[in-house]
Amino acid sequence: MSRIAILGGGSWGTALATVLSRARRKHAISLWVHDPALAESIRRDRENRSYLPGHRLNADVNVTSGIGDAILDAQILVGAIPTAHARHVYSAAAVSVSSRFTFVSAAKGLEPATHKRMSEVVLEVFSQKSAPRLAVLSGPSFAAEVARGEPTAVVLASSDAALAAELQDEFAAPNFRVYTNEDVLGVELAGAMKNVIAIAAGVCQGLGLGSNPLAALITRGLAEMSRLAAAVGAQPETLTGLAGLGDLVLTCTGALSRNRQVGIELGKGRALTEILGGMRMVAEGVGTTAALLALAREAKVDLPITQQVAAILHEGKAPQQAIRDIMERRQRPE
C-alpha cells in the first residue's frame, strides 16, 4: 500500500484525495490543509465546505494541518498548491521528506515571481536534500466533477516512462482515466496558457458576445499556445491532447472555470481588484499572464491574445478596445 500525501486543501487537492480513495489500488492518504480550523472542520464533517461543498471525503483520508505529519513516510507527494505559494509550502515540506520519494505536481501555472514552471520549482526546493522522481498531472478536470465521480480523462507526464506507468497504475480509478506523456514541458505550459485564453473567453461572455467569437478565440488561442510551446522545445502534439486542447475547451466553456469567471466580470466592467477580492479560490491565469509574456519575449514569439488579456488585467484597457485591436491586426495566412 502506497502512502500518498496531498499538499493543498483547496478544491483540487480535496478532489484528488477523494478520487485516490476510490482508486483501484489501495492507498494510505493524507491531506494537508494550511488552515487548522478548516482542517478540523473537514476532519469532523468529512466535507470541505469552504472549497468543495457537497462532496463527502472518505473516512480513511487523514486530514491534518501539520505538514510534517502529512508527509511522514509518504512515498508520493502530490502538490495542489496555488503557484504563488508553492515554493513556500514545498520548502516547509522539504524538511520532513524521506530520502527517496516521488513528487506529482498538480498545479497549472507559472510561479509569478520567477516565471518558472512548477517542476522547476520542485526540483530547486527538494534537490537540496534529495531530488525526487517527478511527474506532472494535468488535463480537463473540474474538481467538483471529479469528486462526483463523473468520467474524466487526465494526462500524467514524466520524462521517466517507467515512473509514468507506475503512477498511471496508482492513480487510475473508476471514471478517472489516466494517460501518460513524456513531454513535461509541453504539459506544464499548456496548463498555464489555457488559463489566460479562458480569461479572454470570459470577457467575450461578459460583453454578451455569441458563439462566433468564442470559436475563433479557442482556435486562435490554441495556435498561440502551440507557437510558444514549440519555440521553447515542447512537442507540438501535446497541445492537441488533453493538457492542451482538452483543457482549453473545458476552461473556456465550463461554468466552473474560475479564470473564465474573472473574464466575465471584467467584460461586465468590474475592476480586477474587486473581482479578486470576492473570490475565495485562485484564478491562476491572472498571475500567469505576465510570466507567459516574459517567456514569449525571450523566445521571440508573438502572443496577441495574451497581450490583450494582460492589458485588460493590469493596464485598465477596455475589453471592447482590446477586441478591436485583435480584429484589426494585419491580415495574414492562417
Protein backbone atom coordinates (compact mmCIF):
# COMPACT_ATOMS: atom_id res chain seq x y z
CA MET A 1 0.00 0.00 0.00
CA SER A 2 1.47 3.36 -1.06
CA ARG A 3 1.41 6.31 1.31
CA ILE A 4 0.31 9.45 -0.55
CA ALA A 5 0.41 12.96 0.90
CA ILE A 6 -1.60 15.66 -0.86
CA LEU A 7 -0.36 19.17 -0.16
CA GLY A 8 -3.25 21.61 -0.52
CA GLY A 9 -6.75 21.52 0.94
CA GLY A 10 -8.45 23.56 -1.77
CA SER A 11 -10.98 22.17 -4.23
CA TRP A 12 -8.45 20.29 -6.39
CA GLY A 13 -6.46 18.80 -3.51
CA THR A 14 -9.68 17.64 -1.86
CA ALA A 15 -10.97 16.17 -5.12
CA LEU A 16 -7.72 14.28 -5.62
CA ALA A 17 -7.97 12.86 -2.11
CA THR A 18 -11.49 11.73 -2.98
CA VAL A 19 -10.61 10.11 -6.29
CA LEU A 20 -7.46 8.43 -4.93
CA SER A 21 -9.51 6.93 -2.11
CA ARG A 22 -11.56 5.24 -4.87
CA ALA A 23 -8.52 4.10 -6.87
CA ARG A 24 -8.14 0.51 -7.92
CA ARG A 25 -5.01 0.25 -5.78
CA LYS A 26 -5.38 0.90 -2.07
CA HIS A 27 -3.55 3.87 -0.56
CA ALA A 28 -2.92 5.46 2.81
CA ILE A 29 -3.85 9.08 2.04
CA SER A 30 -3.10 12.26 4.00
CA LEU A 31 -4.49 15.65 3.05
CA TRP A 32 -2.54 18.66 4.31
CA VAL A 33 -4.68 21.76 4.89
CA HIS A 34 -2.98 25.06 5.68
CA ASP A 35 -5.77 26.45 7.90
CA PRO A 36 -6.05 24.50 11.19
CA ALA A 37 -9.69 25.50 11.62
CA LEU A 38 -10.57 24.23 8.15
CA ALA A 39 -8.62 21.02 8.76
CA GLU A 40 -10.59 20.41 11.95
CA SER A 41 -13.87 21.13 10.13
CA ILE A 42 -13.04 18.63 7.38
CA ARG A 43 -11.99 16.00 9.93
CA ARG A 44 -15.23 16.47 11.85
CA ASP A 45 -17.70 16.75 8.97
CA ARG A 46 -15.78 14.76 6.29
CA GLU A 47 -16.60 17.61 3.92
CA ASN A 48 -14.63 20.63 2.71
CA ARG A 49 -17.42 23.16 2.97
CA SER A 50 -15.14 26.08 2.10
CA TYR A 51 -13.79 24.77 -1.20
CA LEU A 52 -15.69 21.65 -2.25
CA PRO A 53 -19.08 21.61 -0.53
CA GLY A 54 -21.46 18.73 -1.01
CA HIS A 55 -18.79 16.05 -1.51
CA ARG A 56 -18.07 13.61 1.28
CA LEU A 57 -14.45 12.68 1.96
CA ASN A 58 -13.68 9.04 2.66
CA ALA A 59 -13.28 8.28 6.36
CA ASP A 60 -9.86 6.70 5.68
CA VAL A 61 -8.34 10.00 4.46
CA ASN A 62 -6.23 11.57 7.20
CA VAL A 63 -6.71 15.35 7.33
CA THR A 64 -4.10 17.44 9.13
CA SER A 65 -2.70 20.95 9.32
CA GLY A 66 0.72 19.62 10.36
CA ILE A 67 2.81 19.33 7.23
CA GLY A 68 5.33 17.02 8.88
CA ASP A 69 2.54 14.68 9.99
CA ALA A 70 1.04 14.67 6.49
CA ILE A 71 4.20 13.62 4.69
CA LEU A 72 5.63 11.25 7.31
CA ASP A 73 6.86 8.14 5.44
CA ALA A 74 4.99 9.20 2.28
CA GLN A 75 6.30 7.66 -0.94
CA ILE A 76 4.27 10.02 -3.16
CA LEU A 77 3.72 13.73 -2.62
CA VAL A 78 1.06 15.49 -4.68
CA GLY A 79 1.36 19.28 -4.95
CA ALA A 80 -2.01 21.04 -5.31
CA ILE A 81 -0.88 24.46 -4.05
CA PRO A 82 -1.54 27.73 -5.95
CA THR A 83 1.63 28.60 -7.83
CA ALA A 84 2.27 31.83 -5.93
CA HIS A 85 2.51 29.91 -2.62
CA ALA A 86 4.01 26.63 -3.82
CA ARG A 87 7.67 27.40 -3.13
CA HIS A 88 6.98 28.40 0.47
CA VAL A 89 4.92 25.29 1.18
CA TYR A 90 7.35 22.94 -0.56
CA SER A 91 10.26 24.44 1.35
CA ALA A 92 8.44 23.63 4.58
CA ALA A 93 7.77 20.10 3.34
CA ALA A 94 11.38 19.53 2.30
CA VAL A 95 12.44 19.36 5.94
CA SER A 96 10.44 16.19 6.51
CA VAL A 97 10.59 14.23 3.26
CA SER A 98 12.11 10.77 3.11
CA SER A 99 15.34 10.16 1.23
CA ARG A 100 13.57 8.76 -1.84
CA PHE A 101 10.11 9.86 -2.95
CA THR A 102 8.01 10.79 -5.97
CA PHE A 103 6.52 14.24 -6.47
CA VAL A 104 3.44 14.77 -8.65
CA SER A 105 2.74 18.43 -9.46
CA ALA A 106 -0.97 19.07 -9.99
CA ALA A 107 -0.89 22.88 -10.20
CA LYS A 108 -1.47 24.65 -13.53
CA GLY A 109 0.51 27.85 -13.87
CA LEU A 110 3.90 29.52 -13.62
CA GLU A 111 5.45 30.95 -10.49
CA PRO A 112 4.62 34.68 -10.76
CA ALA A 113 7.85 35.96 -9.24
CA THR A 114 10.29 33.83 -11.25
CA HIS A 115 8.17 32.72 -14.26
CA LYS A 116 9.32 29.15 -13.60
CA ARG A 117 7.27 26.01 -14.15
CA MET A 118 6.22 24.07 -11.07
CA SER A 119 8.51 21.16 -11.93
CA GLU A 120 11.44 23.59 -11.89
CA VAL A 121 10.36 24.96 -8.52
CA VAL A 122 10.00 21.45 -7.10
CA LEU A 123 13.48 20.42 -8.23
CA GLU A 124 15.04 23.62 -6.88
CA VAL A 125 13.42 23.17 -3.47
CA PHE A 126 13.76 19.45 -2.89
CA SER A 127 17.06 18.76 -4.65
CA GLN A 128 18.88 20.46 -1.79
CA LYS A 129 18.06 17.36 0.24
CA SER A 130 17.03 14.59 -2.14
CA ALA A 131 15.94 15.03 -5.76
CA PRO A 132 12.52 13.43 -6.21
CA ARG A 133 11.28 11.41 -9.10
CA LEU A 134 8.99 13.88 -10.81
CA ALA A 135 5.72 13.86 -12.73
CA VAL A 136 3.02 16.37 -13.69
CA LEU A 137 -0.75 15.81 -13.62
CA SER A 138 -2.93 17.92 -15.91
CA GLY A 139 -5.88 17.82 -18.30
CA PRO A 140 -9.57 18.81 -18.34
CA SER A 141 -10.69 18.16 -14.77
CA PHE A 142 -13.04 20.40 -12.80
CA ALA A 143 -12.65 19.40 -9.15
CA ALA A 144 -16.37 19.16 -8.41
CA GLU A 145 -17.00 16.84 -11.36
CA VAL A 146 -14.05 14.62 -10.40
CA ALA A 147 -15.34 14.42 -6.82
CA ARG A 148 -18.81 13.47 -8.12
CA GLY A 149 -17.26 10.59 -10.00
CA GLU A 150 -18.06 11.89 -13.47
CA PRO A 151 -15.99 10.31 -16.28
CA THR A 152 -12.73 12.25 -16.52
CA ALA A 153 -9.57 11.75 -18.57
CA VAL A 154 -6.27 13.32 -17.48
CA VAL A 155 -2.64 13.15 -18.52
CA LEU A 156 0.33 12.29 -16.33
CA ALA A 157 3.66 13.44 -17.77
CA SER A 158 7.15 12.36 -16.80
CA SER A 159 10.47 12.09 -18.61
CA ASP A 160 10.79 8.74 -16.84
CA ALA A 161 8.46 6.41 -18.76
CA ALA A 162 8.64 3.73 -16.08
CA LEU A 163 7.59 6.22 -13.41
CA ALA A 164 4.70 7.45 -15.57
CA ALA A 165 3.44 3.89 -15.99
CA GLU A 166 3.79 3.26 -12.25
CA LEU A 167 1.81 6.37 -11.36
CA GLN A 168 -0.77 5.62 -14.03
CA ASP A 169 -1.49 2.41 -12.15
CA GLU A 170 -1.53 4.22 -8.78
CA PHE A 171 -3.94 6.97 -9.87
CA ALA A 172 -6.36 5.00 -12.06
CA ALA A 173 -9.84 4.86 -10.58
CA PRO A 174 -13.37 4.16 -11.78
CA ASN A 175 -14.31 7.07 -14.07
CA PHE A 176 -10.80 8.55 -13.71
CA ARG A 177 -8.75 7.54 -16.74
CA VAL A 178 -5.04 8.40 -16.77
CA TYR A 179 -2.95 8.70 -19.93
CA THR A 180 0.84 9.05 -19.90
CA ASN A 181 3.05 11.50 -21.76
CA GLU A 182 6.81 12.14 -21.78
CA ASP A 183 6.53 15.87 -22.64
CA VAL A 184 6.63 17.50 -19.19
CA LEU A 185 7.44 20.91 -20.68
CA GLY A 186 4.50 20.86 -23.09
CA VAL A 187 2.03 19.62 -20.49
CA GLU A 188 3.03 22.29 -17.98
CA LEU A 189 2.98 25.14 -20.50
CA ALA A 190 -0.38 24.06 -21.86
CA GLY A 191 -1.86 24.03 -18.36
CA ALA A 192 -0.60 27.56 -17.76
CA MET A 193 -1.50 29.08 -21.12
CA LYS A 194 -5.07 27.82 -21.34
CA ASN A 195 -5.98 29.79 -18.21
CA VAL A 196 -5.13 33.08 -19.93
CA ILE A 197 -7.19 32.21 -23.01
CA ALA A 198 -10.06 31.32 -20.66
CA ILE A 199 -9.99 34.84 -19.22
CA ALA A 200 -10.40 36.15 -22.76
CA ALA A 201 -13.29 33.73 -23.31
CA GLY A 202 -14.97 35.05 -20.20
CA VAL A 203 -14.54 38.63 -21.39
CA CYS A 204 -16.44 37.73 -24.56
CA GLN A 205 -19.20 36.20 -22.45
CA GLY A 206 -19.33 39.23 -20.17
CA LEU A 207 -19.71 41.50 -23.18
CA GLY A 208 -22.69 39.46 -24.36
CA LEU A 209 -20.97 38.14 -27.48
CA GLY A 210 -22.08 34.92 -29.18
CA SER A 211 -20.59 31.68 -30.41
CA ASN A 212 -18.58 33.00 -33.37
CA PRO A 213 -16.11 34.94 -31.21
CA LEU A 214 -15.70 32.02 -28.80
CA ALA A 215 -14.92 29.55 -31.60
CA ALA A 216 -12.39 31.96 -33.12
CA LEU A 217 -10.83 32.60 -29.71
CA ILE A 218 -10.38 28.92 -28.86
CA THR A 219 -8.91 28.19 -32.30
CA ARG A 220 -6.51 31.12 -32.38
CA GLY A 221 -5.75 30.65 -28.69
CA LEU A 222 -4.63 27.11 -29.40
CA ALA A 223 -2.43 28.39 -32.24
CA GLU A 224 -0.88 30.91 -29.84
CA MET A 225 -0.27 28.22 -27.23
CA SER A 226 1.28 25.93 -29.84
CA ARG A 227 3.66 28.62 -31.14
CA LEU A 228 5.11 29.33 -27.74
CA ALA A 229 5.34 25.68 -26.73
CA ALA A 230 7.15 24.72 -29.93
CA ALA A 231 9.52 27.68 -29.63
CA VAL A 232 10.74 26.57 -26.21
CA GLY A 233 11.11 22.91 -27.13
CA ALA A 234 7.79 21.22 -26.35
CA GLN A 235 6.23 18.61 -28.61
CA PRO A 236 3.52 20.12 -30.87
CA GLU A 237 1.21 17.12 -30.50
CA THR A 238 0.98 17.73 -26.75
CA LEU A 239 -1.02 20.89 -27.47
CA THR A 240 -3.69 18.91 -29.33
CA GLY A 241 -4.08 16.47 -26.43
CA LEU A 242 -5.77 16.52 -23.05
CA ALA A 243 -3.43 19.07 -21.45
CA GLY A 244 -3.78 21.42 -24.43
CA LEU A 245 -6.97 21.39 -26.48
CA GLY A 246 -8.90 19.31 -23.95
CA ASP A 247 -8.27 21.64 -21.02
CA LEU A 248 -8.58 24.73 -23.23
CA VAL A 249 -12.11 23.79 -24.34
CA LEU A 250 -13.14 22.94 -20.78
CA THR A 251 -11.77 26.14 -19.26
CA CYS A 252 -13.13 28.41 -21.98
CA THR A 253 -16.65 26.97 -21.94
CA GLY A 254 -17.28 25.47 -18.50
CA ALA A 255 -19.31 27.32 -15.89
CA LEU A 256 -16.97 26.07 -13.14
CA SER A 257 -13.91 27.80 -14.62
CA ARG A 258 -12.55 30.43 -12.23
CA ASN A 259 -10.47 32.07 -14.97
CA ARG A 260 -13.48 32.32 -17.26
CA GLN A 261 -15.47 33.82 -14.38
CA VAL A 262 -12.84 36.52 -13.88
CA GLY A 263 -13.12 37.34 -17.58
CA ILE A 264 -16.93 37.51 -17.42
CA GLU A 265 -16.78 40.05 -14.62
CA LEU A 266 -14.12 42.08 -16.45
CA GLY A 267 -16.35 42.09 -19.53
CA LYS A 268 -19.16 43.46 -17.39
CA GLY A 269 -16.93 46.37 -16.38
CA ARG A 270 -15.89 45.37 -12.85
CA ALA A 271 -12.39 46.17 -11.61
CA LEU A 272 -9.92 43.33 -11.17
CA THR A 273 -9.27 44.14 -7.50
CA GLU A 274 -12.98 43.98 -6.77
CA ILE A 275 -13.37 40.67 -8.60
CA LEU A 276 -10.42 39.00 -6.87
CA GLY A 277 -11.50 40.38 -3.51
CA GLY A 278 -14.73 38.44 -3.79
CA MET A 279 -13.10 35.13 -4.77
CA ARG A 280 -12.01 32.52 -2.24
CA MET A 281 -10.23 30.34 -4.80
CA VAL A 282 -7.36 31.32 -7.09
CA ALA A 283 -7.67 32.11 -10.80
CA GLU A 284 -4.17 31.15 -11.92
CA GLY A 285 -4.39 32.97 -15.26
CA VAL A 286 -4.23 36.38 -13.56
CA GLY A 287 -0.76 35.78 -12.17
CA THR A 288 0.45 33.72 -15.12
CA THR A 289 -0.19 36.27 -17.88
CA ALA A 290 2.89 38.41 -17.24
CA ALA A 291 5.07 35.32 -16.84
CA LEU A 292 3.96 33.98 -20.23
CA LEU A 293 4.67 37.30 -21.93
CA ALA A 294 8.15 37.35 -20.43
CA LEU A 295 8.74 33.83 -21.71
CA ALA A 296 7.42 34.83 -25.14
CA ARG A 297 9.79 37.80 -25.31
CA GLU A 298 12.74 35.53 -24.59
CA ALA A 299 11.57 33.11 -27.30
CA LYS A 300 10.68 35.94 -29.74
CA VAL A 301 7.10 34.68 -30.10
CA ASP A 302 4.05 36.91 -30.63
CA LEU A 303 1.13 36.27 -28.25
CA PRO A 304 -1.54 38.79 -29.30
CA ILE A 305 -4.39 37.36 -27.21
CA THR A 306 -2.23 37.10 -24.10
CA GLN A 307 -1.00 40.67 -24.67
CA GLN A 308 -4.56 41.99 -24.77
CA VAL A 309 -5.54 39.99 -21.67
CA ALA A 310 -2.57 41.49 -19.84
CA ALA A 311 -3.64 44.99 -20.92
CA ILE A 312 -7.16 44.41 -19.61
CA LEU A 313 -5.93 42.90 -16.34
CA HIS A 314 -3.09 45.22 -15.47
CA GLU A 315 -3.43 48.39 -17.56
CA GLY A 316 -7.15 49.03 -17.31
CA LYS A 317 -7.72 48.63 -21.04
CA ALA A 318 -11.36 48.48 -22.07
CA PRO A 319 -12.32 44.97 -23.22
CA GLN A 320 -14.11 46.37 -26.29
CA GLN A 321 -10.94 48.14 -27.39
CA ALA A 322 -8.88 45.00 -26.82
CA ILE A 323 -11.17 43.05 -29.13
CA ARG A 324 -10.99 45.78 -31.78
CA ASP A 325 -7.21 45.74 -31.63
CA ILE A 326 -7.19 41.96 -32.10
CA MET A 327 -9.59 42.11 -35.05
CA GLU A 328 -7.74 44.97 -36.77
CA ARG A 329 -4.31 43.37 -36.73
CA ARG A 330 -2.57 43.00 -40.07
CA GLN A 331 -4.18 40.36 -42.27
CA ARG A 332 -2.12 37.17 -42.54
CA PRO A 333 -2.32 33.50 -43.59
CA GLU A 334 -3.76 31.08 -41.05
